[in-house]
PDB file of N, CA and C in Angstrom:
ATOM      1  N   MET A   1     -69.750 190.605  37.941  1.00  0.00           N
ATOM      2  CA  MET A   1     -69.981 190.011  39.298  1.00  0.00           C
ATOM      3  C   MET A   1     -68.930 190.656  40.361  1.00  0.00           C
ATOM      4  N   PRO A   2     -69.629 191.311  41.442  1.00  0.00           N
ATOM      5  CA  PRO A   2     -68.976 191.774  42.645  1.00  0.00           C
ATOM      6  C   PRO A   2     -68.123 190.555  43.438  1.00  0.00           C
ATOM      7  N   LEU A   3     -66.982 190.897  43.828  1.00  0.00           N
ATOM      8  CA  LEU A   3     -65.976 190.147  44.437  1.00  0.00           C
ATOM      9  C   LEU A   3     -65.420 190.976  45.650  1.00  0.00           C
ATOM     10  N   MET A   4     -65.438 190.361  46.602  1.00  0.00           N
ATOM     11  CA  MET A   4     -64.934 190.902  47.934  1.00  0.00           C
ATOM     12  C   MET A   4     -63.603 189.981  48.498  1.00  0.00           C
ATOM     13  N   VAL A   5     -62.282 190.558  48.498  1.00  0.00           N
ATOM     14  CA  VAL A   5     -61.359 189.867  48.872  1.00  0.00           C
ATOM     15  C   VAL A   5     -61.169 190.052  50.309  1.00  0.00           C
ATOM     16  N   LEU A   6     -61.132 189.476  51.504  1.00  0.00           N
ATOM     17  CA  LEU A   6     -61.059 189.783  52.869  1.00  0.00           C
ATOM     18  C   LEU A   6     -59.554 189.492  53.089  1.00  0.00           C
ATOM     19  N   ASP A   7     -58.829 188.438  52.622  1.00  0.00           N
ATOM     20  CA  ASP A   7     -57.455 188.033  52.799  1.00  0.00           C
ATOM     21  C   ASP A   7     -56.546 189.175  52.586  1.00  0.00           C
ATOM     22  N   GLU A   8     -56.349 189.930  53.445  1.00  0.00           N
ATOM     23  CA  GLU A   8     -55.155 190.849  52.978  1.00  0.00           C
ATOM     24  C   GLU A   8     -54.093 190.427  52.117  1.00  0.00           C
ATOM     25  N   ASP A   9     -53.401 189.497  52.392  1.00  0.00           N
ATOM     26  CA  ASP A   9     -52.364 189.024  51.579  1.00  0.00           C
ATOM     27  C   ASP A   9     -52.726 188.543  50.289  1.00  0.00           C
ATOM     28  N   LEU A  10     -53.621 187.923  49.956  1.00  0.00           N
ATOM     29  CA  LEU A  10     -54.445 187.806  48.680  1.00  0.00           C
ATOM     30  C   LEU A  10     -54.683 188.979  48.030  1.00  0.00           C
ATOM     31  N   ALA A  11     -55.273 190.245  48.804  1.00  0.00           N
ATOM     32  CA  ALA A  11     -55.894 191.427  48.164  1.00  0.00           C
ATOM     33  C   ALA A  11     -54.642 192.108  47.716  1.00  0.00           C
ATOM     34  N   GLU A  12     -53.477 192.013  48.369  1.00  0.00           N
ATOM     35  CA  GLU A  12     -52.238 192.579  48.095  1.00  0.00           C
ATOM     36  C   GLU A  12     -52.002 192.406  46.789  1.00  0.00           C
ATOM     37  N   GLN A  13     -51.822 190.782  46.477  1.00  0.00           N
ATOM     38  CA  GLN A  13     -51.250 190.262  45.503  1.00  0.00           C
ATOM     39  C   GLN A  13     -52.169 190.663  44.090  1.00  0.00           C
ATOM     40  N   VAL A  14     -53.534 190.482  44.354  1.00  0.00           N
ATOM     41  CA  VAL A  14     -54.374 191.021  43.411  1.00  0.00           C
ATOM     42  C   VAL A  14     -54.261 192.255  42.908  1.00  0.00           C
ATOM     43  N   ILE A  15     -54.057 193.209  43.890  1.00  0.00           N
ATOM     44  CA  ILE A  15     -53.815 194.839  43.498  1.00  0.00           C
ATOM     45  C   ILE A  15     -52.419 194.897  42.658  1.00  0.00           C
ATOM     46  N   LYS A  16     -51.492 194.290  43.373  1.00  0.00           N
ATOM     47  CA  LYS A  16     -50.159 194.105  42.459  1.00  0.00           C
ATOM     48  C   LYS A  16     -50.085 193.839  41.276  1.00  0.00           C
ATOM     49  N   ARG A  17     -50.843 192.743  40.905  1.00  0.00           N
ATOM     50  CA  ARG A  17     -51.106 192.127  39.566  1.00  0.00           C
ATOM     51  C   ARG A  17     -51.864 193.073  38.537  1.00  0.00           C
ATOM     52  N   ARG A  18     -52.881 193.946  39.299  1.00  0.00           N
ATOM     53  CA  ARG A  18     -53.932 194.891  38.672  1.00  0.00           C
ATOM     54  C   ARG A  18     -52.921 196.179  38.227  1.00  0.00           C
ATOM     55  N   ARG A  19     -51.882 196.268  38.948  1.00  0.00           N
ATOM     56  CA  ARG A  19     -51.268 197.743  38.857  1.00  0.00           C
ATOM     57  C   ARG A  19     -50.370 197.429  37.751  1.00  0.00           C
ATOM     58  N   ALA A  20     -49.919 196.241  37.437  1.00  0.00           N
ATOM     59  CA  ALA A  20     -48.871 195.767  36.536  1.00  0.00           C
ATOM     60  C   ALA A  20     -49.570 195.600  35.149  1.00  0.00           C
ATOM     61  N   SER A  21     -50.970 195.959  34.988  1.00  0.00           N
ATOM     62  CA  SER A  21     -51.536 195.668  33.711  1.00  0.00           C
ATOM     63  C   SER A  21     -52.327 196.962  33.332  1.00  0.00           C
ATOM     64  N   PRO A  22     -52.513 197.091  32.395  1.00  0.00           N
ATOM     65  CA  PRO A  22     -53.380 198.278  31.491  1.00  0.00           C
ATOM     66  C   PRO A  22     -54.497 198.426  31.986  1.00  0.00           C
ATOM     67  N   ALA A  23     -55.240 197.800  32.726  1.00  0.00           N
ATOM     68  CA  ALA A  23     -56.292 197.747  33.463  1.00  0.00           C
ATOM     69  C   ALA A  23     -56.618 198.341  34.428  1.00  0.00           C
ATOM     70  N   TYR A  24     -55.150 198.816  35.052  1.00  0.00           N
ATOM     71  CA  TYR A  24     -55.281 199.299  36.394  1.00  0.00           C
ATOM     72  C   TYR A  24     -55.703 200.871  36.108  1.00  0.00           C
ATOM     73  N   ARG A  25     -55.825 201.316  35.076  1.00  0.00           N
ATOM     74  CA  ARG A  25     -55.989 202.846  34.851  1.00  0.00           C
ATOM     75  C   ARG A  25     -57.427 203.070  35.305  1.00  0.00           C
ATOM     76  N   TRP A  26     -58.367 201.692  35.328  1.00  0.00           N
ATOM     77  CA  TRP A  26     -59.683 202.244  35.381  1.00  0.00           C
ATOM     78  C   TRP A  26     -59.910 201.752  36.817  1.00  0.00           C
ATOM     79  N   ASP A  27     -59.127 201.548  37.679  1.00  0.00           N
ATOM     80  CA  ASP A  27     -59.360 201.027  38.992  1.00  0.00           C
ATOM     81  C   ASP A  27     -59.772 202.431  40.082  1.00  0.00           C
ATOM     82  N   GLU A  28     -60.411 202.149  40.858  1.00  0.00           N
ATOM     83  CA  GLU A  28     -60.775 203.526  41.623  1.00  0.00           C
ATOM     84  C   GLU A  28     -60.731 203.054  43.253  1.00  0.00           C
ATOM     85  N   VAL A  29     -60.695 204.135  44.000  1.00  0.00           N
ATOM     86  CA  VAL A  29     -60.831 203.971  45.579  1.00  0.00           C
ATOM     87  C   VAL A  29     -62.140 204.492  46.120  1.00  0.00           C
ATOM     88  N   TRP A  30     -63.053 203.894  46.501  1.00  0.00           N
ATOM     89  CA  TRP A  30     -64.088 204.445  46.907  1.00  0.00           C
ATOM     90  C   TRP A  30     -64.096 204.347  48.645  1.00  0.00           C
ATOM     91  N   GLU A  31     -63.944 205.659  49.060  1.00  0.00           N
ATOM     92  CA  GLU A  31     -64.160 205.456  50.658  1.00  0.00           C
ATOM     93  C   GLU A  31     -63.184 204.358  51.223  1.00  0.00           C
ATOM     94  N   GLY A  32     -61.883 204.491  50.974  1.00  0.00           N
ATOM     95  CA  GLY A  32     -60.905 203.227  51.250  1.00  0.00           C
ATOM     96  C   GLY A  32     -61.216 201.972  50.869  1.00  0.00           C
ATOM     97  N   VAL A  33     -61.962 201.786  49.804  1.00  0.00           N
ATOM     98  CA  VAL A  33     -62.252 200.318  49.258  1.00  0.00           C
ATOM     99  C   VAL A  33     -61.561 200.295  47.853  1.00  0.00           C
ATOM    100  N   TYR A  34     -60.893 199.511  47.536  1.00  0.00           N
ATOM    101  CA  TYR A  34     -60.449 199.345  46.306  1.00  0.00           C
ATOM    102  C   TYR A  34     -61.148 198.709  45.304  1.00  0.00           C
ATOM    103  N   VAL A  35     -61.593 199.589  44.424  1.00  0.00           N
ATOM    104  CA  VAL A  35     -62.528 198.907  43.190  1.00  0.00           C
ATOM    105  C   VAL A  35     -61.789 198.543  41.856  1.00  0.00           C
ATOM    106  N   ALA A  36     -61.612 197.367  41.563  1.00  0.00           N
ATOM    107  CA  ALA A  36     -60.992 197.163  40.306  1.00  0.00           C
ATOM    108  C   ALA A  36     -62.196 197.070  39.466  1.00  0.00           C
ATOM    109  N   MET A  37     -62.349 197.974  38.201  1.00  0.00           N
ATOM    110  CA  MET A  37     -63.387 197.991  37.425  1.00  0.00           C
ATOM    111  C   MET A  37     -63.071 197.374  36.158  1.00  0.00           C
ATOM    112  N   PRO A  38     -64.109 196.674  35.410  1.00  0.00           N
ATOM    113  CA  PRO A  38     -64.044 196.180  34.274  1.00  0.00           C
ATOM    114  C   PRO A  38     -63.679 197.211  33.060  1.00  0.00           C
ATOM    115  N   LEU A  39     -63.087 196.591  32.255  1.00  0.00           N
ATOM    116  CA  LEU A  39     -62.554 197.655  31.019  1.00  0.00           C
ATOM    117  C   LEU A  39     -63.768 197.659  30.287  1.00  0.00           C
ATOM    118  N   PRO A  40     -63.723 198.986  29.999  1.00  0.00           N
ATOM    119  CA  PRO A  40     -65.122 199.500  29.231  1.00  0.00           C
ATOM    120  C   PRO A  40     -65.167 198.449  27.895  1.00  0.00           C
ATOM    121  N   ASP A  41     -66.457 198.398  27.228  1.00  0.00           N
ATOM    122  CA  ASP A  41     -66.512 198.050  26.203  1.00  0.00           C
ATOM    123  C   ASP A  41     -66.987 198.630  25.124  1.00  0.00           C
ATOM    124  N   ILE A  42     -67.420 198.233  23.903  1.00  0.00           N
ATOM    125  CA  ILE A  42     -68.005 199.306  22.873  1.00  0.00           C
ATOM    126  C   ILE A  42     -69.306 199.745  23.057  1.00  0.00           C
ATOM    127  N   LEU A  43     -70.214 199.021  24.008  1.00  0.00           N
ATOM    128  CA  LEU A  43     -71.616 199.571  24.205  1.00  0.00           C
ATOM    129  C   LEU A  43     -71.340 200.847  25.108  1.00  0.00           C
ATOM    130  N   TYR A  44     -70.051 200.659  26.316  1.00  0.00           N
ATOM    131  CA  TYR A  44     -69.907 201.910  26.982  1.00  0.00           C
ATOM    132  C   TYR A  44     -69.821 203.040  26.061  1.00  0.00           C
ATOM    133  N   PHE A  45     -68.705 202.964  25.145  1.00  0.00           N
ATOM    134  CA  PHE A  45     -68.146 204.198  24.309  1.00  0.00           C
ATOM    135  C   PHE A  45     -69.518 204.642  23.593  1.00  0.00           C
ATOM    136  N   ASP A  46     -70.183 203.719  22.957  1.00  0.00           N
ATOM    137  CA  ASP A  46     -71.398 204.222  22.373  1.00  0.00           C
ATOM    138  C   ASP A  46     -72.440 204.965  23.264  1.00  0.00           C
ATOM    139  N   LEU A  47     -72.625 204.594  24.333  1.00  0.00           N
ATOM    140  CA  LEU A  47     -73.540 205.447  25.482  1.00  0.00           C
ATOM    141  C   LEU A  47     -72.812 206.784  25.762  1.00  0.00           C
ATOM    142  N   ALA A  48     -71.477 206.679  25.893  1.00  0.00           N
ATOM    143  CA  ALA A  48     -70.686 207.951  26.229  1.00  0.00           C
ATOM    144  C   ALA A  48     -70.726 208.707  25.058  1.00  0.00           C
ATOM    145  N   ALA A  49     -70.669 208.373  23.845  1.00  0.00           N
ATOM    146  CA  ALA A  49     -70.848 209.389  22.795  1.00  0.00           C
ATOM    147  C   ALA A  49     -72.198 209.985  22.539  1.00  0.00           C
ATOM    148  N   VAL A  50     -73.197 209.116  23.163  1.00  0.00           N
ATOM    149  CA  VAL A  50     -74.527 209.692  22.800  1.00  0.00           C
ATOM    150  C   VAL A  50     -74.889 210.912  23.747  1.00  0.00           C
ATOM    151  N   PHE A  51     -74.442 210.588  25.031  1.00  0.00           N
ATOM    152  CA  PHE A  51     -74.261 211.932  26.040  1.00  0.00           C
ATOM    153  C   PHE A  51     -73.407 212.901  25.758  1.00  0.00           C
ATOM    154  N   LEU A  52     -72.210 212.726  25.184  1.00  0.00           N
ATOM    155  CA  LEU A  52     -71.340 213.825  24.768  1.00  0.00           C
ATOM    156  C   LEU A  52     -71.811 214.521  23.801  1.00  0.00           C
ATOM    157  N   LEU A  53     -72.450 214.087  22.782  1.00  0.00           N
ATOM    158  CA  LEU A  53     -73.144 214.458  21.491  1.00  0.00           C
ATOM    159  C   LEU A  53     -74.362 215.433  22.287  1.00  0.00           C
ATOM    160  N   ALA A  54     -75.162 215.005  22.988  1.00  0.00           N
ATOM    161  CA  ALA A  54     -76.070 215.634  23.711  1.00  0.00           C
ATOM    162  C   ALA A  54     -75.931 217.138  24.474  1.00  0.00           C
ATOM    163  N   PHE A  55     -74.672 216.664  25.299  1.00  0.00           N
ATOM    164  CA  PHE A  55     -74.374 217.870  25.907  1.00  0.00           C
ATOM    165  C   PHE A  55     -73.587 219.041  25.311  1.00  0.00           C
ATOM    166  N   TYR A  56     -72.854 218.416  24.446  1.00  0.00           N
ATOM    167  CA  TYR A  56     -71.990 219.170  23.382  1.00  0.00           C
ATOM    168  C   TYR A  56     -72.975 220.299  22.536  1.00  0.00           C
ATOM    169  N   SER A  57     -74.297 219.775  22.060  1.00  0.00           N
ATOM    170  CA  SER A  57     -75.067 220.368  21.023  1.00  0.00           C
ATOM    171  C   SER A  57     -75.843 221.525  21.934  1.00  0.00           C
ATOM    172  N   GLU A  58     -75.999 220.901  23.170  1.00  0.00           N
ATOM    173  CA  GLU A  58     -76.818 221.805  24.080  1.00  0.00           C
ATOM    174  C   GLU A  58     -76.070 223.060  24.526  1.00  0.00           C
ATOM    175  N   TYR A  59     -74.651 222.843  25.152  1.00  0.00           N
ATOM    176  CA  TYR A  59     -73.846 223.579  25.766  1.00  0.00           C
ATOM    177  C   TYR A  59     -72.656 224.218  24.872  1.00  0.00           C
ATOM    178  N   SER A  60     -72.559 223.658  24.120  1.00  0.00           N
ATOM    179  CA  SER A  60     -71.255 224.061  23.337  1.00  0.00           C
ATOM    180  C   SER A  60     -71.276 225.620  22.769  1.00  0.00           C
ATOM    181  N   GLY A  61     -70.230 226.410  23.012  1.00  0.00           N
ATOM    182  CA  GLY A  61     -70.381 227.745  22.470  1.00  0.00           C
ATOM    183  C   GLY A  61     -71.125 228.756  23.673  1.00  0.00           C
ATOM    184  N   ARG A  62     -71.762 228.316  24.494  1.00  0.00           N
ATOM    185  CA  ARG A  62     -72.193 229.143  25.768  1.00  0.00           C
ATOM    186  C   ARG A  62     -71.417 229.452  26.742  1.00  0.00           C
ATOM    187  N   ARG A  63     -71.451 230.667  26.752  1.00  0.00           N
ATOM    188  CA  ARG A  63     -70.206 231.169  27.781  1.00  0.00           C
ATOM    189  C   ARG A  63     -70.166 230.545  29.209  1.00  0.00           C
ATOM    190  N   GLY A  64     -69.154 230.183  29.774  1.00  0.00           N
ATOM    191  CA  GLY A  64     -68.811 229.672  30.942  1.00  0.00           C
ATOM    192  C   GLY A  64     -69.402 228.223  31.025  1.00  0.00           C
ATOM    193  N   TYR A  65     -69.297 227.376  29.718  1.00  0.00           N
ATOM    194  CA  TYR A  65     -69.645 226.007  29.717  1.00  0.00           C
ATOM    195  C   TYR A  65     -68.655 225.538  28.740  1.00  0.00           C
ATOM    196  N   ARG A  66     -68.209 224.343  29.410  1.00  0.00           N
ATOM    197  CA  ARG A  66     -67.178 223.604  28.637  1.00  0.00           C
ATOM    198  C   ARG A  66     -67.664 222.226  28.464  1.00  0.00           C
ATOM    199  N   VAL A  67     -67.481 221.224  27.392  1.00  0.00           N
ATOM    200  CA  VAL A  67     -68.173 219.904  27.427  1.00  0.00           C
ATOM    201  C   VAL A  67     -66.934 219.244  27.210  1.00  0.00           C
ATOM    202  N   HIS A  68     -66.658 217.922  27.865  1.00  0.00           N
ATOM    203  CA  HIS A  68     -65.464 217.242  27.730  1.00  0.00           C
ATOM    204  C   HIS A  68     -66.137 215.472  27.906  1.00  0.00           C
ATOM    205  N   GLY A  69     -65.231 214.870  27.169  1.00  0.00           N
ATOM    206  CA  GLY A  69     -65.515 213.365  27.293  1.00  0.00           C
ATOM    207  C   GLY A  69     -64.823 212.830  28.301  1.00  0.00           C
ATOM    208  N   HIS A  70     -64.884 211.622  29.085  1.00  0.00           N
ATOM    209  CA  HIS A  70     -63.881 210.901  29.468  1.00  0.00           C
ATOM    210  C   HIS A  70     -62.797 211.518  30.587  1.00  0.00           C
ATOM    211  N   ILE A  71     -63.562 212.053  31.745  1.00  0.00           N
ATOM    212  CA  ILE A  71     -62.553 212.571  32.531  1.00  0.00           C
ATOM    213  C   ILE A  71     -63.198 212.472  33.837  1.00  0.00           C
ATOM    214  N   ASN A  72     -62.404 212.453  34.909  1.00  0.00           N
ATOM    215  CA  ASN A  72     -62.526 211.848  36.407  1.00  0.00           C
ATOM    216  C   ASN A  72     -63.193 213.256  36.888  1.00  0.00           C
ATOM    217  N   ILE A  73     -64.459 213.070  37.797  1.00  0.00           N
ATOM    218  CA  ILE A  73     -65.129 213.879  38.700  1.00  0.00           C
ATOM    219  C   ILE A  73     -64.883 213.729  40.157  1.00  0.00           C
ATOM    220  N   SER A  74     -64.373 214.281  40.991  1.00  0.00           N
ATOM    221  CA  SER A  74     -64.549 214.046  42.390  1.00  0.00           C
ATOM    222  C   SER A  74     -64.871 214.954  43.626  1.00  0.00           C
ATOM    223  N   ASP A  75     -65.262 214.959  44.704  1.00  0.00           N
ATOM    224  CA  ASP A  75     -65.516 216.019  45.598  1.00  0.00           C
ATOM    225  C   ASP A  75     -64.514 215.852  46.342  1.00  0.00           C
ATOM    226  N   ARG A  76     -63.587 214.906  46.312  1.00  0.00           N
ATOM    227  CA  ARG A  76     -62.287 214.852  47.166  1.00  0.00           C
ATOM    228  C   ARG A  76     -61.165 216.040  47.014  1.00  0.00           C
ATOM    229  N   ASN A  77     -60.631 216.539  48.168  1.00  0.00           N
ATOM    230  CA  ASN A  77     -59.687 217.316  48.184  1.00  0.00           C
ATOM    231  C   ASN A  77     -58.323 216.927  47.599  1.00  0.00           C
ATOM    232  N   ARG A  78     -57.561 217.423  46.840  1.00  0.00           N
ATOM    233  CA  ARG A  78     -56.218 216.898  46.448  1.00  0.00           C
ATOM    234  C   ARG A  78     -55.163 216.858  47.719  1.00  0.00           C
ATOM    235  N   GLU A  79     -54.414 215.984  48.069  1.00  0.00           N
ATOM    236  CA  GLU A  79     -53.865 215.778  49.143  1.00  0.00           C
ATOM    237  C   GLU A  79     -52.209 215.502  48.693  1.00  0.00           C
TER     238      GLU A  79
END
């Protein structure tokens, strides 16, 4: 369920608590908006495995192709 926190003090408190928890590693910032992602569940990992297997079986061993699971991809420049 999406939740928008407009109170800046409350938002800072929520983000501070998130950063202290293991769940923080899944959080992202999209165009300046902090997004607290839910922890992945077993269905997520099952689906990820299906895609990984499909791409690996098609592209593994082909020159110039690499197949990896669970990596972040961004179009942002590193700053």
